[in-house]
Amino acid sequence: SYSSPGVDDHGTWGIATGILPSTFVQYNSVPYG
């Protein structure tokens, strides 16, 4: 949540999920290693 500065941020899904398992199973393609 972007409403809890210092606790978390809305990029969490993008890095924790979107760049890892979601990319591994090819639900999406992302321009990352």
PDB file of all heavy atoms in Angstrom:
ATOM      1  N   SER A   1       0.820  -1.207   0.000  1.00  0.00           N
ATOM      2  CA  SER A   1       0.000   0.000   0.000  1.00  0.00           C
ATOM      3  C   SER A   1       0.849   1.250   0.000  1.00  0.00           C
ATOM      4  O   SER A   1       1.771   1.388   0.795  1.00  0.00           O
ATOM      5  CB  SER A   1      -0.904   0.019   1.234  1.00  0.00           C
ATOM      6  OG  SER A   1      -1.658   1.203   1.285  1.00  0.00           O
ATOM      7  N   TYR A   2       0.517   2.178  -0.884  1.00  0.00           N
ATOM      8  CA  TYR A   2       1.222   3.452  -0.903  1.00  0.00           C
ATOM      9  C   TYR A   2       0.805   4.349   0.239  1.00  0.00           C
ATOM     10  O   TYR A   2       1.337   5.424   0.429  1.00  0.00           O
ATOM     11  CB  TYR A   2       1.029   4.177  -2.230  1.00  0.00           C
ATOM     12  CG  TYR A   2      -0.375   4.205  -2.798  1.00  0.00           C
ATOM     13  CD1 TYR A   2      -1.499   4.276  -1.993  1.00  0.00           C
ATOM     14  CD2 TYR A   2      -0.560   4.134  -4.178  1.00  0.00           C
ATOM     15  CE1 TYR A   2      -2.765   4.277  -2.539  1.00  0.00           C
ATOM     16  CE2 TYR A   2      -1.835   4.138  -4.727  1.00  0.00           C
ATOM     17  CZ  TYR A   2      -2.939   4.220  -3.894  1.00  0.00           C
ATOM     18  OH  TYR A   2      -4.196   4.224  -4.435  1.00  0.00           O
ATOM     19  N   SER A   3      -0.190   3.917   1.016  1.00  0.00           N
ATOM     20  CA  SER A   3      -0.654   4.724   2.140  1.00  0.00           C
ATOM     21  C   SER A   3       0.137   4.449   3.418  1.00  0.00           C
ATOM     22  O   SER A   3      -0.113   5.055   4.445  1.00  0.00           O
ATOM     23  CB  SER A   3      -2.137   4.455   2.408  1.00  0.00           C
ATOM     24  OG  SER A   3      -2.310   3.143   2.897  1.00  0.00           O
ATOM     25  N   SER A   4       1.072   3.509   3.353  1.00  0.00           N
ATOM     26  CA  SER A   4       1.873   3.163   4.530  1.00  0.00           C
ATOM     27  C   SER A   4       3.352   3.380   4.244  1.00  0.00           C
ATOM     28  O   SER A   4       4.127   2.437   4.140  1.00  0.00           O
ATOM     29  CB  SER A   4       1.627   1.702   4.925  1.00  0.00           C
ATOM     30  OG  SER A   4       0.279   1.475   5.208  1.00  0.00           O
ATOM     31  N   PRO A   5       3.766   4.640   4.072  1.00  0.00           N
ATOM     32  CA  PRO A   5       5.178   4.908   3.762  1.00  0.00           C
ATOM     33  C   PRO A   5       6.090   4.368   4.849  1.00  0.00           C
ATOM     34  O   PRO A   5       5.816   4.488   6.037  1.00  0.00           O
ATOM     35  CB  PRO A   5       5.227   6.441   3.680  1.00  0.00           C
ATOM     36  CG  PRO A   5       4.032   6.905   4.453  1.00  0.00           C
ATOM     37  CD  PRO A   5       2.981   5.874   4.248  1.00  0.00           C
ATOM     38  N   GLY A   6       7.172   3.755   4.432  1.00  0.00           N
ATOM     39  CA  GLY A   6       8.096   3.159   5.372  1.00  0.00           C
ATOM     40  C   GLY A   6       7.758   1.725   5.706  1.00  0.00           C
ATOM     41  O   GLY A   6       8.576   1.004   6.243  1.00  0.00           O
ATOM     42  N   VAL A   7       6.523   1.303   5.407  1.00  0.00           N
ATOM     43  CA  VAL A   7       6.112  -0.063   5.669  1.00  0.00           C
ATOM     44  C   VAL A   7       6.137  -0.884   4.385  1.00  0.00           C
ATOM     45  O   VAL A   7       6.649  -1.981   4.327  1.00  0.00           O
ATOM     46  CB  VAL A   7       4.692  -0.109   6.291  1.00  0.00           C
ATOM     47  CG1 VAL A   7       4.293  -1.554   6.584  1.00  0.00           C
ATOM     48  CG2 VAL A   7       4.646   0.722   7.554  1.00  0.00           C
ATOM     49  N   ASP A   8       5.563  -0.325   3.326  1.00  0.00           N
ATOM     50  CA  ASP A   8       5.447  -1.059   2.087  1.00  0.00           C
ATOM     51  C   ASP A   8       5.184  -0.085   0.949  1.00  0.00           C
ATOM     52  O   ASP A   8       5.071   1.120   1.167  1.00  0.00           O
ATOM     53  CB  ASP A   8       4.304  -2.060   2.197  1.00  0.00           C
ATOM     54  CG  ASP A   8       4.544  -3.299   1.342  1.00  0.00           C
ATOM     55  OD1 ASP A   8       5.541  -3.310   0.618  1.00  0.00           O
ATOM     56  OD2 ASP A   8       3.743  -4.237   1.420  1.00  0.00           O
ATOM     57  N   ASP A   9       5.069  -0.579  -0.250  1.00  0.00           N
ATOM     58  CA  ASP A   9       4.759   0.258  -1.400  1.00  0.00           C
ATOM     59  C   ASP A   9       4.115  -0.591  -2.472  1.00  0.00           C
ATOM     60  O   ASP A   9       4.179  -1.812  -2.441  1.00  0.00           O
ATOM     61  CB  ASP A   9       6.004   0.963  -1.937  1.00  0.00           C
ATOM     62  CG  ASP A   9       7.020  -0.019  -2.480  1.00  0.00           C
ATOM     63  OD1 ASP A   9       6.834  -0.484  -3.625  1.00  0.00           O
ATOM     64  OD2 ASP A   9       7.991  -0.320  -1.781  1.00  0.00           O
ATOM     65  N   HIS A  10       3.489   0.060  -3.436  1.00  0.00           N
ATOM     66  CA  HIS A  10       2.711  -0.657  -4.433  1.00  0.00           C
ATOM     67  C   HIS A  10       3.556  -1.334  -5.506  1.00  0.00           C
ATOM     68  O   HIS A  10       3.006  -1.967  -6.404  1.00  0.00           O
ATOM     69  CB  HIS A  10       1.678   0.272  -5.069  1.00  0.00           C
ATOM     70  CG  HIS A  10       2.273   1.438  -5.788  1.00  0.00           C
ATOM     71  ND1 HIS A  10       2.487   2.654  -5.172  1.00  0.00           N
ATOM     72  CD2 HIS A  10       2.719   1.594  -7.049  1.00  0.00           C
ATOM     73  CE1 HIS A  10       3.010   3.497  -6.044  1.00  0.00           C
ATOM     74  NE2 HIS A  10       3.160   2.877  -7.182  1.00  0.00           N
ATOM     75  N   GLY A  11       4.861  -1.228  -5.427  1.00  0.00           N
ATOM     76  CA  GLY A  11       5.717  -1.970  -6.353  1.00  0.00           C
ATOM     77  C   GLY A  11       5.958  -3.396  -5.917  1.00  0.00           C
ATOM     78  O   GLY A  11       6.608  -4.167  -6.621  1.00  0.00           O
ATOM     79  N   THR A  12       5.425  -3.761  -4.737  1.00  0.00           N
ATOM     80  CA  THR A  12       5.676  -5.090  -4.203  1.00  0.00           C
ATOM     81  C   THR A  12       5.241  -6.189  -5.166  1.00  0.00           C
ATOM     82  O   THR A  12       5.980  -7.128  -5.431  1.00  0.00           O
ATOM     83  CB  THR A  12       4.970  -5.269  -2.850  1.00  0.00           C
ATOM     84  OG1 THR A  12       5.587  -4.409  -1.897  1.00  0.00           O
ATOM     85  CG2 THR A  12       5.078  -6.693  -2.358  1.00  0.00           C
ATOM     86  N   TRP A  13       4.023  -6.089  -5.711  1.00  0.00           N
ATOM     87  CA  TRP A  13       3.568  -7.124  -6.636  1.00  0.00           C
ATOM     88  C   TRP A  13       4.489  -7.182  -7.850  1.00  0.00           C
ATOM     89  O   TRP A  13       4.869  -8.264  -8.312  1.00  0.00           O
ATOM     90  CB  TRP A  13       2.132  -6.857  -7.092  1.00  0.00           C
ATOM     91  CG  TRP A  13       1.617  -7.947  -7.984  1.00  0.00           C
ATOM     92  CD1 TRP A  13       0.915  -9.054  -7.608  1.00  0.00           C
ATOM     93  CD2 TRP A  13       1.808  -8.075  -9.405  1.00  0.00           C
ATOM     94  NE1 TRP A  13       0.652  -9.861  -8.695  1.00  0.00           N
ATOM     95  CE2 TRP A  13       1.195  -9.277  -9.819  1.00  0.00           C
ATOM     96  CE3 TRP A  13       2.432  -7.289 -10.376  1.00  0.00           C
ATOM     97  CZ2 TRP A  13       1.186  -9.695 -11.145  1.00  0.00           C
ATOM     98  CZ3 TRP A  13       2.423  -7.718 -11.698  1.00  0.00           C
ATOM     99  CH2 TRP A  13       1.807  -8.907 -12.072  1.00  0.00           C
ATOM    100  N   GLY A  14       4.865  -6.026  -8.376  1.00  0.00           N
ATOM    101  CA  GLY A  14       5.680  -5.993  -9.584  1.00  0.00           C
ATOM    102  C   GLY A  14       6.986  -6.725  -9.428  1.00  0.00           C
ATOM    103  O   GLY A  14       7.439  -7.422 -10.337  1.00  0.00           O
ATOM    104  N   ILE A  15       7.614  -6.593  -8.260  1.00  0.00           N
ATOM    105  CA  ILE A  15       8.923  -7.218  -8.056  1.00  0.00           C
ATOM    106  C   ILE A  15       8.791  -8.609  -7.450  1.00  0.00           C
ATOM    107  O   ILE A  15       9.453  -9.555  -7.885  1.00  0.00           O
ATOM    108  CB  ILE A  15       9.816  -6.321  -7.173  1.00  0.00           C
ATOM    109  CG1 ILE A  15      10.022  -4.966  -7.869  1.00  0.00           C
ATOM    110  CG2 ILE A  15      11.149  -6.990  -6.901  1.00  0.00           C
ATOM    111  CD1 ILE A  15      10.814  -3.970  -7.057  1.00  0.00           C
ATOM    112  N   ALA A  16       7.933  -8.771  -6.460  1.00  0.00           N
ATOM    113  CA  ALA A  16       7.806 -10.070  -5.803  1.00  0.00           C
ATOM    114  C   ALA A  16       7.100 -11.087  -6.682  1.00  0.00           C
ATOM    115  O   ALA A  16       7.438 -12.270  -6.674  1.00  0.00           O
ATOM    116  CB  ALA A  16       7.053  -9.916  -4.481  1.00  0.00           C
ATOM    117  N   THR A  17       6.115 -10.644  -7.443  1.00  0.00           N
ATOM    118  CA  THR A  17       5.300 -11.562  -8.234  1.00  0.00           C
ATOM    119  C   THR A  17       5.506 -11.383  -9.728  1.00  0.00           C
ATOM    120  O   THR A  17       5.785 -12.336 -10.457  1.00  0.00           O
ATOM    121  CB  THR A  17       3.812 -11.381  -7.890  1.00  0.00           C
ATOM    122  OG1 THR A  17       3.610 -11.648  -6.498  1.00  0.00           O
ATOM    123  CG2 THR A  17       2.944 -12.314  -8.718  1.00  0.00           C
ATOM    124  N   GLY A  18       5.354 -10.163 -10.226  1.00  0.00           N
ATOM    125  CA  GLY A  18       5.393  -9.924 -11.659  1.00  0.00           C
ATOM    126  C   GLY A  18       6.712 -10.284 -12.300  1.00  0.00           C
ATOM    127  O   GLY A  18       6.753 -10.757 -13.442  1.00  0.00           O
ATOM    128  N   ILE A  19       7.824 -10.074 -11.574  1.00  0.00           N
ATOM    129  CA  ILE A  19       9.148 -10.351 -12.141  1.00  0.00           C
ATOM    130  C   ILE A  19       9.620 -11.764 -11.805  1.00  0.00           C
ATOM    131  O   ILE A  19      10.568 -12.268 -12.405  1.00  0.00           O
ATOM    132  CB  ILE A  19      10.150  -9.284 -11.658  1.00  0.00           C
ATOM    133  CG1 ILE A  19       9.768  -7.919 -12.238  1.00  0.00           C
ATOM    134  CG2 ILE A  19      11.577  -9.624 -12.034  1.00  0.00           C
ATOM    135  CD1 ILE A  19      10.655  -6.789 -11.788  1.00  0.00           C
ATOM    136  N   LEU A  20       8.931 -12.434 -10.886  1.00  0.00           N
ATOM    137  CA  LEU A  20       9.350 -13.786 -10.514  1.00  0.00           C
ATOM    138  C   LEU A  20       8.314 -14.820 -10.977  1.00  0.00           C
ATOM    139  O   LEU A  20       8.341 -15.188 -12.148  1.00  0.00           O
ATOM    140  CB  LEU A  20       9.655 -13.836  -9.015  1.00  0.00           C
ATOM    141  CG  LEU A  20      10.882 -12.976  -8.607  1.00  0.00           C
ATOM    142  CD1 LEU A  20      10.970 -12.831  -7.096  1.00  0.00           C
ATOM    143  CD2 LEU A  20      12.171 -13.588  -9.148  1.00  0.00           C
ATOM    144  N   PRO A  21       7.392 -15.334 -10.150  1.00  0.00           N
ATOM    145  CA  PRO A  21       6.542 -16.439 -10.622  1.00  0.00           C
ATOM    146  C   PRO A  21       5.693 -16.122 -11.846  1.00  0.00           C
ATOM    147  O   PRO A  21       5.498 -16.986 -12.709  1.00  0.00           O
ATOM    148  CB  PRO A  21       5.660 -16.758  -9.403  1.00  0.00           C
ATOM    149  CG  PRO A  21       5.720 -15.559  -8.540  1.00  0.00           C
ATOM    150  CD  PRO A  21       7.084 -14.997  -8.751  1.00  0.00           C
ATOM    151  N   SER A  22       5.172 -14.885 -11.946  1.00  0.00           N
ATOM    152  CA  SER A  22       4.333 -14.566 -13.094  1.00  0.00           C
ATOM    153  C   SER A  22       5.122 -14.602 -14.394  1.00  0.00           C
ATOM    154  O   SER A  22       4.594 -14.962 -15.451  1.00  0.00           O
ATOM    155  CB  SER A  22       3.680 -13.188 -12.914  1.00  0.00           C
ATOM    156  OG  SER A  22       2.604 -13.020 -13.795  1.00  0.00           O
ATOM    157  N   THR A  23       6.396 -14.259 -14.327  1.00  0.00           N
ATOM    158  CA  THR A  23       7.277 -14.361 -15.484  1.00  0.00           C
ATOM    159  C   THR A  23       7.685 -15.810 -15.728  1.00  0.00           C
ATOM    160  O   THR A  23       7.708 -16.270 -16.873  1.00  0.00           O
ATOM    161  CB  THR A  23       8.528 -13.491 -15.294  1.00  0.00           C
ATOM    162  OG1 THR A  23       8.138 -12.126 -15.199  1.00  0.00           O
ATOM    163  CG2 THR A  23       9.498 -13.647 -16.447  1.00  0.00           C
ATOM    164  N   PHE A  24       7.983 -16.545 -14.653  1.00  0.00           N
ATOM    165  CA  PHE A  24       8.396 -17.941 -14.809  1.00  0.00           C
ATOM    166  C   PHE A  24       7.328 -18.760 -15.534  1.00  0.00           C
ATOM    167  O   PHE A  24       7.642 -19.602 -16.385  1.00  0.00           O
ATOM    168  CB  PHE A  24       8.674 -18.584 -13.447  1.00  0.00           C
ATOM    169  CG  PHE A  24       9.816 -17.975 -12.686  1.00  0.00           C
ATOM    170  CD1 PHE A  24       9.897 -18.123 -11.298  1.00  0.00           C
ATOM    171  CD2 PHE A  24      10.814 -17.253 -13.320  1.00  0.00           C
ATOM    172  CE1 PHE A  24      10.949 -17.576 -10.577  1.00  0.00           C
ATOM    173  CE2 PHE A  24      11.869 -16.685 -12.605  1.00  0.00           C
ATOM    174  CZ  PHE A  24      11.933 -16.856 -11.227  1.00  0.00           C
ATOM    175  N   VAL A  25       6.042 -18.543 -15.195  1.00  0.00           N
ATOM    176  CA  VAL A  25       4.974 -19.338 -15.808  1.00  0.00           C
ATOM    177  C   VAL A  25       4.471 -18.708 -17.100  1.00  0.00           C
ATOM    178  O   VAL A  25       3.568 -19.224 -17.737  1.00  0.00           O
ATOM    179  CB  VAL A  25       3.787 -19.553 -14.842  1.00  0.00           C
ATOM    180  CG1 VAL A  25       4.245 -20.248 -13.584  1.00  0.00           C
ATOM    181  CG2 VAL A  25       3.068 -18.249 -14.528  1.00  0.00           C
ATOM    182  N   GLN A  26       5.044 -17.582 -17.472  1.00  0.00           N
ATOM    183  CA  GLN A  26       4.736 -16.901 -18.734  1.00  0.00           C
ATOM    184  C   GLN A  26       3.286 -16.421 -18.802  1.00  0.00           C
ATOM    185  O   GLN A  26       2.649 -16.458 -19.852  1.00  0.00           O
ATOM    186  CB  GLN A  26       5.096 -17.792 -19.924  1.00  0.00           C
ATOM    187  CG  GLN A  26       6.583 -18.133 -19.950  1.00  0.00           C
ATOM    188  CD  GLN A  26       7.009 -18.924 -21.165  1.00  0.00           C
ATOM    189  OE1 GLN A  26       6.390 -18.863 -22.216  1.00  0.00           O
ATOM    190  NE2 GLN A  26       8.104 -19.679 -21.022  1.00  0.00           N
ATOM    191  N   TYR A  27       2.786 -15.948 -17.659  1.00  0.00           N
ATOM    192  CA  TYR A  27       1.525 -15.215 -17.673  1.00  0.00           C
ATOM    193  C   TYR A  27       1.742 -13.825 -18.264  1.00  0.00           C
ATOM    194  O   TYR A  27       0.813 -13.206 -18.762  1.00  0.00           O
ATOM    195  CB  TYR A  27       0.970 -15.066 -16.257  1.00  0.00           C
ATOM    196  CG  TYR A  27       0.179 -16.250 -15.748  1.00  0.00           C
ATOM    197  CD1 TYR A  27      -0.155 -16.341 -14.403  1.00  0.00           C
ATOM    198  CD2 TYR A  27      -0.256 -17.261 -16.600  1.00  0.00           C
ATOM    199  CE1 TYR A  27      -0.900 -17.402 -13.916  1.00  0.00           C
ATOM    200  CE2 TYR A  27      -0.984 -18.338 -16.117  1.00  0.00           C
ATOM    201  CZ  TYR A  27      -1.305 -18.401 -14.766  1.00  0.00           C
ATOM    202  OH  TYR A  27      -2.039 -19.458 -14.295  1.00  0.00           O
ATOM    203  N   ASN A  28       2.958 -13.339 -18.149  1.00  0.00           N
ATOM    204  CA  ASN A  28       3.309 -12.057 -18.742  1.00  0.00           C
ATOM    205  C   ASN A  28       4.769 -12.058 -19.161  1.00  0.00           C
ATOM    206  O   ASN A  28       5.563 -12.881 -18.706  1.00  0.00           O
ATOM    207  CB  ASN A  28       3.039 -10.903 -17.767  1.00  0.00           C
ATOM    208  CG  ASN A  28       3.764 -11.042 -16.440  1.00  0.00           C
ATOM    209  OD1 ASN A  28       3.128 -11.222 -15.405  1.00  0.00           O
ATOM    210  ND2 ASN A  28       5.087 -10.947 -16.431  1.00  0.00           N
ATOM    211  N   SER A  29       5.089 -11.147 -20.044  1.00  0.00           N
ATOM    212  CA  SER A  29       6.481 -10.928 -20.446  1.00  0.00           C
ATOM    213  C   SER A  29       6.896  -9.568 -19.927  1.00  0.00           C
ATOM    214  O   SER A  29       6.147  -8.593 -20.037  1.00  0.00           O
ATOM    215  CB  SER A  29       6.604 -10.970 -21.971  1.00  0.00           C
ATOM    216  OG  SER A  29       7.906 -10.594 -22.383  1.00  0.00           O
ATOM    217  N   VAL A  30       8.070  -9.512 -19.339  1.00  0.00           N
ATOM    218  CA  VAL A  30       8.566  -8.256 -18.771  1.00  0.00           C
ATOM    219  C   VAL A  30      10.000  -8.017 -19.244  1.00  0.00           C
ATOM    220  O   VAL A  30      10.743  -8.966 -19.477  1.00  0.00           O
ATOM    221  CB  VAL A  30       8.540  -8.273 -17.227  1.00  0.00           C
ATOM    222  CG1 VAL A  30       7.126  -8.362 -16.714  1.00  0.00           C
ATOM    223  CG2 VAL A  30       9.365  -9.432 -16.666  1.00  0.00           C
ATOM    224  N   PRO A  31      10.393  -6.786 -19.393  1.00  0.00           N
ATOM    225  CA  PRO A  31      11.755  -6.503 -19.891  1.00  0.00           C
ATOM    226  C   PRO A  31      12.814  -6.567 -18.802  1.00  0.00           C
ATOM    227  O   PRO A  31      13.545  -5.613 -18.572  1.00  0.00           O
ATOM    228  CB  PRO A  31      11.602  -5.083 -20.455  1.00  0.00           C
ATOM    229  CG  PRO A  31      10.550  -4.462 -19.597  1.00  0.00           C
ATOM    230  CD  PRO A  31       9.578  -5.557 -19.266  1.00  0.00           C
ATOM    231  N   TYR A  32      12.898  -7.690 -18.087  1.00  0.00           N
ATOM    232  CA  TYR A  32      13.877  -7.842 -17.016  1.00  0.00           C
ATOM    233  C   TYR A  32      14.614  -9.166 -17.180  1.00  0.00           C
ATOM    234  O   TYR A  32      14.152 -10.081 -17.871  1.00  0.00           O
ATOM    235  CB  TYR A  32      13.198  -7.779 -15.640  1.00  0.00           C
ATOM    236  CG  TYR A  32      12.489  -6.471 -15.386  1.00  0.00           C
ATOM    237  CD1 TYR A  32      11.112  -6.365 -15.547  1.00  0.00           C
ATOM    238  CD2 TYR A  32      13.193  -5.324 -15.032  1.00  0.00           C
ATOM    239  CE1 TYR A  32      10.458  -5.157 -15.333  1.00  0.00           C
ATOM    240  CE2 TYR A  32      12.551  -4.113 -14.820  1.00  0.00           C
ATOM    241  CZ  TYR A  32      11.182  -4.041 -14.976  1.00  0.00           C
ATOM    242  OH  TYR A  32      10.548  -2.847 -14.775  1.00  0.00           O
ATOM    243  N   GLY A  33      15.735  -9.303 -16.489  1.00  0.00           N
ATOM    244  CA  GLY A  33      16.585 -10.480 -16.645  1.00  0.00           C
ATOM    245  C   GLY A  33      15.937 -11.779 -16.235  1.00  0.00           C
ATOM    246  O   GLY A  33      16.356 -12.853 -16.695  1.00  0.00           O
TER     247      GLY A  33
END
